Amino acid sequence: MVGREKHRMEAFVRFHLIDEKTYYANIEPDFNVLPLIIKHFKTRYADQNWIIYDLSRNYGISYNQNEVQEVYIEFKTP
């Protein structure tokens, strides 16, 4: 099931441009697949800055065309 979820994330994650040069995507997978999808996105989007954030686990991965880092975002509530 984890492998199926990994494949689903690789196929269906959709990014949105959040500033002049950074793309962002929220995900809510059933399993903790972020560590498993890093290589795919690092290869596929090597020329872009991006963040994929797992809302279910409250952490994400960020890529700056050089390295991947784990990130935490505090979302403001209205």
PDB file of N, CA and C in Angstrom:
ATOM      1  N   MET A   1       0.815  -1.190   0.000  1.00  0.00           N
ATOM      2  CA  MET A   1       0.000   0.000   0.000  1.00  0.00           C
ATOM      3  C   MET A   1       0.865   1.263   0.000  1.00  0.00           C
ATOM      4  N   VAL A   2       1.994   1.194   0.692  1.00  0.00           N
ATOM      5  CA  VAL A   2       2.903   2.341   0.719  1.00  0.00           C
ATOM      6  C   VAL A   2       3.449   2.613  -0.688  1.00  0.00           C
ATOM      7  N   GLY A   3       3.823   1.569  -1.402  1.00  0.00           N
ATOM      8  CA  GLY A   3       4.329   1.727  -2.762  1.00  0.00           C
ATOM      9  C   GLY A   3       3.290   2.337  -3.685  1.00  0.00           C
ATOM     10  N   ARG A   4       2.050   1.954  -3.519  1.00  0.00           N
ATOM     11  CA  ARG A   4       0.967   2.512  -4.333  1.00  0.00           C
ATOM     12  C   ARG A   4       0.770   4.000  -4.022  1.00  0.00           C
ATOM     13  N   GLU A   5       0.845   4.340  -2.738  1.00  0.00           N
ATOM     14  CA  GLU A   5       0.717   5.748  -2.322  1.00  0.00           C
ATOM     15  C   GLU A   5       1.878   6.579  -2.862  1.00  0.00           C
ATOM     16  N   LYS A   6       3.076   6.033  -2.819  1.00  0.00           N
ATOM     17  CA  LYS A   6       4.255   6.717  -3.365  1.00  0.00           C
ATOM     18  C   LYS A   6       4.031   7.022  -4.843  1.00  0.00           C
ATOM     19  N   HIS A   7       3.615   6.025  -5.592  1.00  0.00           N
ATOM     20  CA  HIS A   7       3.365   6.209  -7.026  1.00  0.00           C
ATOM     21  C   HIS A   7       2.274   7.256  -7.265  1.00  0.00           C
ATOM     22  N   ARG A   8       1.239   7.220  -6.463  1.00  0.00           N
ATOM     23  CA  ARG A   8       0.138   8.181  -6.601  1.00  0.00           C
ATOM     24  C   ARG A   8       0.637   9.606  -6.367  1.00  0.00           C
ATOM     25  N   MET A   9       1.473   9.799  -5.372  1.00  0.00           N
ATOM     26  CA  MET A   9       2.020  11.129  -5.092  1.00  0.00           C
ATOM     27  C   MET A   9       2.920  11.592  -6.245  1.00  0.00           C
ATOM     28  N   GLU A  10       3.729  10.698  -6.777  1.00  0.00           N
ATOM     29  CA  GLU A  10       4.610  11.071  -7.896  1.00  0.00           C
ATOM     30  C   GLU A  10       3.795  11.466  -9.128  1.00  0.00           C
ATOM     31  N   ALA A  11       2.651  10.852  -9.306  1.00  0.00           N
ATOM     32  CA  ALA A  11       1.842  11.111 -10.496  1.00  0.00           C
ATOM     33  C   ALA A  11       0.902  12.309 -10.348  1.00  0.00           C
ATOM     34  N   PHE A  12       0.418  12.567  -9.151  1.00  0.00           N
ATOM     35  CA  PHE A  12      -0.672  13.530  -9.020  1.00  0.00           C
ATOM     36  C   PHE A  12      -0.380  14.780  -8.204  1.00  0.00           C
ATOM     37  N   VAL A  13       0.826  14.949  -7.689  1.00  0.00           N
ATOM     38  CA  VAL A  13       1.155  16.196  -6.982  1.00  0.00           C
ATOM     39  C   VAL A  13       1.122  17.330  -7.996  1.00  0.00           C
ATOM     40  N   ARG A  14       0.424  18.412  -7.646  1.00  0.00           N
ATOM     41  CA  ARG A  14       0.322  19.583  -8.511  1.00  0.00           C
ATOM     42  C   ARG A  14       0.876  20.799  -7.774  1.00  0.00           C
ATOM     43  N   PHE A  15       1.811  21.451  -8.404  1.00  0.00           N
ATOM     44  CA  PHE A  15       2.459  22.613  -7.822  1.00  0.00           C
ATOM     45  C   PHE A  15       1.762  23.906  -8.241  1.00  0.00           C
ATOM     46  N   HIS A  16       1.874  24.907  -7.374  1.00  0.00           N
ATOM     47  CA  HIS A  16       1.387  26.255  -7.646  1.00  0.00           C
ATOM     48  C   HIS A  16       2.535  27.214  -7.380  1.00  0.00           C
ATOM     49  N   LEU A  17       2.714  28.192  -8.229  1.00  0.00           N
ATOM     50  CA  LEU A  17       3.760  29.191  -8.055  1.00  0.00           C
ATOM     51  C   LEU A  17       3.363  30.103  -6.897  1.00  0.00           C
ATOM     52  N   ILE A  18       4.217  30.189  -5.855  1.00  0.00           N
ATOM     53  CA  ILE A  18       3.875  31.008  -4.687  1.00  0.00           C
ATOM     54  C   ILE A  18       4.669  32.300  -4.616  1.00  0.00           C
ATOM     55  N   ASP A  19       5.753  32.386  -5.349  1.00  0.00           N
ATOM     56  CA  ASP A  19       6.471  33.646  -5.512  1.00  0.00           C
ATOM     57  C   ASP A  19       7.159  33.598  -6.870  1.00  0.00           C
ATOM     58  N   GLU A  20       8.061  34.474  -7.127  1.00  0.00           N
ATOM     59  CA  GLU A  20       8.664  34.567  -8.450  1.00  0.00           C
ATOM     60  C   GLU A  20       9.389  33.301  -8.897  1.00  0.00           C
ATOM     61  N   LYS A  21       9.837  32.485  -7.941  1.00  0.00           N
ATOM     62  CA  LYS A  21      10.644  31.341  -8.346  1.00  0.00           C
ATOM     63  C   LYS A  21      10.429  30.060  -7.538  1.00  0.00           C
ATOM     64  N   THR A  22       9.394  29.990  -6.713  1.00  0.00           N
ATOM     65  CA  THR A  22       9.177  28.814  -5.870  1.00  0.00           C
ATOM     66  C   THR A  22       7.797  28.214  -6.107  1.00  0.00           C
ATOM     67  N   TYR A  23       7.774  26.906  -6.302  1.00  0.00           N
ATOM     68  CA  TYR A  23       6.533  26.170  -6.483  1.00  0.00           C
ATOM     69  C   TYR A  23       6.213  25.425  -5.193  1.00  0.00           C
ATOM     70  N   TYR A  24       4.909  25.300  -4.884  1.00  0.00           N
ATOM     71  CA  TYR A  24       4.460  24.717  -3.628  1.00  0.00           C
ATOM     72  C   TYR A  24       3.313  23.749  -3.888  1.00  0.00           C
ATOM     73  N   ALA A  25       3.307  22.645  -3.137  1.00  0.00           N
ATOM     74  CA  ALA A  25       2.199  21.689  -3.208  1.00  0.00           C
ATOM     75  C   ALA A  25       1.900  21.142  -1.816  1.00  0.00           C
ATOM     76  N   ASN A  26       0.622  21.073  -1.475  1.00  0.00           N
ATOM     77  CA  ASN A  26       0.155  20.391  -0.271  1.00  0.00           C
ATOM     78  C   ASN A  26      -0.176  18.955  -0.626  1.00  0.00           C
ATOM     79  N   ILE A  27       0.102  18.045   0.292  1.00  0.00           N
ATOM     80  CA  ILE A  27      -0.349  16.666   0.141  1.00  0.00           C
ATOM     81  C   ILE A  27      -0.895  16.184   1.479  1.00  0.00           C
ATOM     82  N   GLU A  28      -1.727  15.166   1.447  1.00  0.00           N
ATOM     83  CA  GLU A  28      -2.254  14.540   2.660  1.00  0.00           C
ATOM     84  C   GLU A  28      -2.306  13.029   2.465  1.00  0.00           C
ATOM     85  N   PRO A  29      -1.143  12.398   2.344  1.00  0.00           N
ATOM     86  CA  PRO A  29      -1.124  10.947   2.100  1.00  0.00           C
ATOM     87  C   PRO A  29      -1.469  10.157   3.371  1.00  0.00           C
ATOM     88  N   ASP A  30      -1.911   8.932   3.168  1.00  0.00           N
ATOM     89  CA  ASP A  30      -2.195   8.044   4.303  1.00  0.00           C
ATOM     90  C   ASP A  30      -0.911   7.595   4.985  1.00  0.00           C
ATOM     91  N   PHE A  31       0.171   7.499   4.215  1.00  0.00           N
ATOM     92  CA  PHE A  31       1.459   7.031   4.745  1.00  0.00           C
ATOM     93  C   PHE A  31       2.503   8.135   4.598  1.00  0.00           C
ATOM     94  N   ASN A  32       3.572   8.033   5.360  1.00  0.00           N
ATOM     95  CA  ASN A  32       4.646   9.024   5.323  1.00  0.00           C
ATOM     96  C   ASN A  32       5.547   8.751   4.113  1.00  0.00           C
ATOM     97  N   VAL A  33       5.139   9.257   2.951  1.00  0.00           N
ATOM     98  CA  VAL A  33       5.862   8.974   1.716  1.00  0.00           C
ATOM     99  C   VAL A  33       6.833  10.072   1.295  1.00  0.00           C
ATOM    100  N   LEU A  34       6.877  11.179   2.012  1.00  0.00           N
ATOM    101  CA  LEU A  34       7.794  12.254   1.613  1.00  0.00           C
ATOM    102  C   LEU A  34       9.227  11.763   1.412  1.00  0.00           C
ATOM    103  N   PRO A  35       9.797  11.011   2.336  1.00  0.00           N
ATOM    104  CA  PRO A  35      11.172  10.551   2.103  1.00  0.00           C
ATOM    105  C   PRO A  35      11.308   9.671   0.859  1.00  0.00           C
ATOM    106  N   LEU A  36      10.235   9.012   0.474  1.00  0.00           N
ATOM    107  CA  LEU A  36      10.278   8.104  -0.673  1.00  0.00           C
ATOM    108  C   LEU A  36      10.134   8.814  -2.016  1.00  0.00           C
ATOM    109  N   ILE A  37       9.607  10.036  -2.027  1.00  0.00           N
ATOM    110  CA  ILE A  37       9.372  10.734  -3.295  1.00  0.00           C
ATOM    111  C   ILE A  37      10.417  11.808  -3.589  1.00  0.00           C
ATOM    112  N   ILE A  38      11.351  12.019  -2.687  1.00  0.00           N
ATOM    113  CA  ILE A  38      12.367  13.056  -2.879  1.00  0.00           C
ATOM    114  C   ILE A  38      13.119  12.858  -4.192  1.00  0.00           C
ATOM    115  N   LYS A  39      13.624  11.663  -4.424  1.00  0.00           N
ATOM    116  CA  LYS A  39      14.449  11.419  -5.611  1.00  0.00           C
ATOM    117  C   LYS A  39      13.686  11.728  -6.896  1.00  0.00           C
ATOM    118  N   HIS A  40      12.437  11.303  -6.962  1.00  0.00           N
ATOM    119  CA  HIS A  40      11.616  11.543  -8.151  1.00  0.00           C
ATOM    120  C   HIS A  40      11.498  13.033  -8.453  1.00  0.00           C
ATOM    121  N   PHE A  41      11.115  13.821  -7.454  1.00  0.00           N
ATOM    122  CA  PHE A  41      10.892  15.247  -7.683  1.00  0.00           C
ATOM    123  C   PHE A  41      12.202  16.006  -7.869  1.00  0.00           C
ATOM    124  N   LYS A  42      13.239  15.578  -7.190  1.00  0.00           N
ATOM    125  CA  LYS A  42      14.550  16.210  -7.365  1.00  0.00           C
ATOM    126  C   LYS A  42      15.044  16.017  -8.796  1.00  0.00           C
ATOM    127  N   THR A  43      14.800  14.856  -9.364  1.00  0.00           N
ATOM    128  CA  THR A  43      15.201  14.576 -10.743  1.00  0.00           C
ATOM    129  C   THR A  43      14.282  15.273 -11.746  1.00  0.00           C
ATOM    130  N   ARG A  44      13.002  15.154 -11.534  1.00  0.00           N
ATOM    131  CA  ARG A  44      12.029  15.695 -12.505  1.00  0.00           C
ATOM    132  C   ARG A  44      12.002  17.219 -12.546  1.00  0.00           C
ATOM    133  N   TYR A  45      12.181  17.851 -11.390  1.00  0.00           N
ATOM    134  CA  TYR A  45      12.117  19.313 -11.314  1.00  0.00           C
ATOM    135  C   TYR A  45      13.446  19.887 -10.819  1.00  0.00           C
ATOM    136  N   ALA A  46      14.526  19.396 -11.367  1.00  0.00           N
ATOM    137  CA  ALA A  46      15.873  19.779 -10.924  1.00  0.00           C
ATOM    138  C   ALA A  46      16.179  21.246 -11.165  1.00  0.00           C
ATOM    139  N   ASP A  47      15.502  21.864 -12.113  1.00  0.00           N
ATOM    140  CA  ASP A  47      15.788  23.260 -12.457  1.00  0.00           C
ATOM    141  C   ASP A  47      14.825  24.246 -11.797  1.00  0.00           C
ATOM    142  N   GLN A  48      14.080  23.784 -10.783  1.00  0.00           N
ATOM    143  CA  GLN A  48      13.094  24.636 -10.117  1.00  0.00           C
ATOM    144  C   GLN A  48      13.243  24.543  -8.606  1.00  0.00           C
ATOM    145  N   ASN A  49      12.834  25.597  -7.928  1.00  0.00           N
ATOM    146  CA  ASN A  49      12.730  25.576  -6.464  1.00  0.00           C
ATOM    147  C   ASN A  49      11.321  25.105  -6.127  1.00  0.00           C
ATOM    148  N   TRP A  50      11.199  24.180  -5.185  1.00  0.00           N
ATOM    149  CA  TRP A  50       9.887  23.682  -4.832  1.00  0.00           C
ATOM    150  C   TRP A  50       9.808  23.235  -3.381  1.00  0.00           C
ATOM    151  N   ILE A  51       8.571  23.181  -2.896  1.00  0.00           N
ATOM    152  CA  ILE A  51       8.260  22.694  -1.549  1.00  0.00           C
ATOM    153  C   ILE A  51       7.062  21.758  -1.681  1.00  0.00           C
ATOM    154  N   ILE A  52       7.170  20.595  -1.073  1.00  0.00           N
ATOM    155  CA  ILE A  52       6.024  19.693  -0.948  1.00  0.00           C
ATOM    156  C   ILE A  52       5.766  19.559   0.544  1.00  0.00           C
ATOM    157  N   TYR A  53       4.550  19.881   0.971  1.00  0.00           N
ATOM    158  CA  TYR A  53       4.236  19.902   2.397  1.00  0.00           C
ATOM    159  C   TYR A  53       3.142  18.894   2.725  1.00  0.00           C
ATOM    160  N   ASP A  54       3.445  18.030   3.682  1.00  0.00           N
ATOM    161  CA  ASP A  54       2.508  17.014   4.146  1.00  0.00           C
ATOM    162  C   ASP A  54       1.679  17.615   5.284  1.00  0.00           C
ATOM    163  N   LEU A  55       0.450  17.986   4.993  1.00  0.00           N
ATOM    164  CA  LEU A  55      -0.413  18.605   5.989  1.00  0.00           C
ATOM    165  C   LEU A  55      -0.773  17.644   7.119  1.00  0.00           C
ATOM    166  N   SER A  56      -0.836  16.353   6.830  1.00  0.00           N
ATOM    167  CA  SER A  56      -1.189  15.355   7.838  1.00  0.00           C
ATOM    168  C   SER A  56      -0.092  15.189   8.891  1.00  0.00           C
ATOM    169  N   ARG A  57       1.146  15.387   8.503  1.00  0.00           N
ATOM    170  CA  ARG A  57       2.279  15.168   9.405  1.00  0.00           C
ATOM    171  C   ARG A  57       3.000  16.454   9.780  1.00  0.00           C
ATOM    172  N   ASN A  58       2.548  17.566   9.238  1.00  0.00           N
ATOM    173  CA  ASN A  58       3.067  18.891   9.571  1.00  0.00           C
ATOM    174  C   ASN A  58       4.566  19.049   9.324  1.00  0.00           C
ATOM    175  N   TYR A  59       5.024  18.555   8.173  1.00  0.00           N
ATOM    176  CA  TYR A  59       6.393  18.822   7.734  1.00  0.00           C
ATOM    177  C   TYR A  59       6.458  18.671   6.229  1.00  0.00           C
ATOM    178  N   GLY A  60       7.515  19.201   5.658  1.00  0.00           N
ATOM    179  CA  GLY A  60       7.649  19.128   4.219  1.00  0.00           C
ATOM    180  C   GLY A  60       9.091  18.986   3.793  1.00  0.00           C
ATOM    181  N   ILE A  61       9.269  18.960   2.472  1.00  0.00           N
ATOM    182  CA  ILE A  61      10.605  18.943   1.894  1.00  0.00           C
ATOM    183  C   ILE A  61      10.718  20.133   0.939  1.00  0.00           C
ATOM    184  N   SER A  62      11.864  20.753   0.971  1.00  0.00           N
ATOM    185  CA  SER A  62      12.129  21.925   0.159  1.00  0.00           C
ATOM    186  C   SER A  62      13.378  21.660  -0.675  1.00  0.00           C
ATOM    187  N   TYR A  63      13.340  22.090  -1.940  1.00  0.00           N
ATOM    188  CA  TYR A  63      14.471  21.904  -2.842  1.00  0.00           C
ATOM    189  C   TYR A  63      14.824  23.253  -3.458  1.00  0.00           C
ATOM    190  N   ASN A  64      16.108  23.615  -3.442  1.00  0.00           N
ATOM    191  CA  ASN A  64      16.555  24.913  -3.950  1.00  0.00           C
ATOM    192  C   ASN A  64      17.488  24.778  -5.156  1.00  0.00           C
ATOM    193  N   GLN A  65      17.317  23.743  -5.944  1.00  0.00           N
ATOM    194  CA  GLN A  65      18.133  23.422  -7.107  1.00  0.00           C
ATOM    195  C   GLN A  65      19.530  22.940  -6.733  1.00  0.00           C
ATOM    196  N   ASN A  66      19.738  22.752  -5.443  1.00  0.00           N
ATOM    197  CA  ASN A  66      21.029  22.275  -4.973  1.00  0.00           C
ATOM    198  C   ASN A  66      20.876  21.160  -3.941  1.00  0.00           C
ATOM    199  N   GLU A  67      20.010  21.384  -2.967  1.00  0.00           N
ATOM    200  CA  GLU A  67      19.843  20.401  -1.897  1.00  0.00           C
ATOM    201  C   GLU A  67      18.403  20.345  -1.415  1.00  0.00           C
ATOM    202  N   VAL A  68      18.066  19.234  -0.795  1.00  0.00           N
ATOM    203  CA  VAL A  68      16.744  19.036  -0.206  1.00  0.00           C
ATOM    204  C   VAL A  68      16.866  19.208   1.301  1.00  0.00           C
ATOM    205  N   GLN A  69      15.902  19.943   1.866  1.00  0.00           N
ATOM    206  CA  GLN A  69      15.876  20.142   3.314  1.00  0.00           C
ATOM    207  C   GLN A  69      14.476  19.856   3.839  1.00  0.00           C
ATOM    208  N   GLU A  70      14.406  19.407   5.072  1.00  0.00           N
ATOM    209  CA  GLU A  70      13.124  19.242   5.736  1.00  0.00           C
ATOM    210  C   GLU A  70      12.686  20.611   6.242  1.00  0.00           C
ATOM    211  N   VAL A  71      11.390  20.919   6.091  1.00  0.00           N
ATOM    212  CA  VAL A  71      10.887  22.217   6.518  1.00  0.00           C
ATOM    213  C   VAL A  71       9.628  22.051   7.349  1.00  0.00           C
ATOM    214  N   TYR A  72       9.377  23.043   8.205  1.00  0.00           N
ATOM    215  CA  TYR A  72       8.181  23.114   9.019  1.00  0.00           C
ATOM    216  C   TYR A  72       7.578  24.489   8.803  1.00  0.00           C
ATOM    217  N   ILE A  73       6.280  24.541   8.596  1.00  0.00           N
ATOM    218  CA  ILE A  73       5.603  25.807   8.336  1.00  0.00           C
ATOM    219  C   ILE A  73       4.510  25.991   9.390  1.00  0.00           C
ATOM    220  N   GLU A  74       4.477  27.173   9.979  1.00  0.00           N
ATOM    221  CA  GLU A  74       3.391  27.516  10.888  1.00  0.00           C
ATOM    222  C   GLU A  74       2.351  28.282  10.097  1.00  0.00           C
ATOM    223  N   PHE A  75       1.217  27.656   9.853  1.00  0.00           N
ATOM    224  CA  PHE A  75       0.151  28.306   9.118  1.00  0.00           C
ATOM    225  C   PHE A  75      -0.661  29.159  10.074  1.00  0.00           C
ATOM    226  N   LYS A  76      -0.987  30.364   9.652  1.00  0.00           N
ATOM    227  CA  LYS A  76      -1.824  31.255  10.473  1.00  0.00           C
ATOM    228  C   LYS A  76      -3.280  30.838  10.344  1.00  0.00           C
ATOM    229  N   THR A  77      -3.983  30.869  11.455  1.00  0.00           N
ATOM    230  CA  THR A  77      -5.417  30.589  11.423  1.00  0.00           C
ATOM    231  C   THR A  77      -6.157  31.907  11.552  1.00  0.00           C
ATOM    232  N   PRO A  78      -7.234  32.053  10.820  1.00  0.00           N
ATOM    233  CA  PRO A  78      -7.975  33.331  10.862  1.00  0.00           C
ATOM    234  C   PRO A  78      -8.664  33.572  12.175  1.00  0.00           C
TER     235      PRO A  78
END
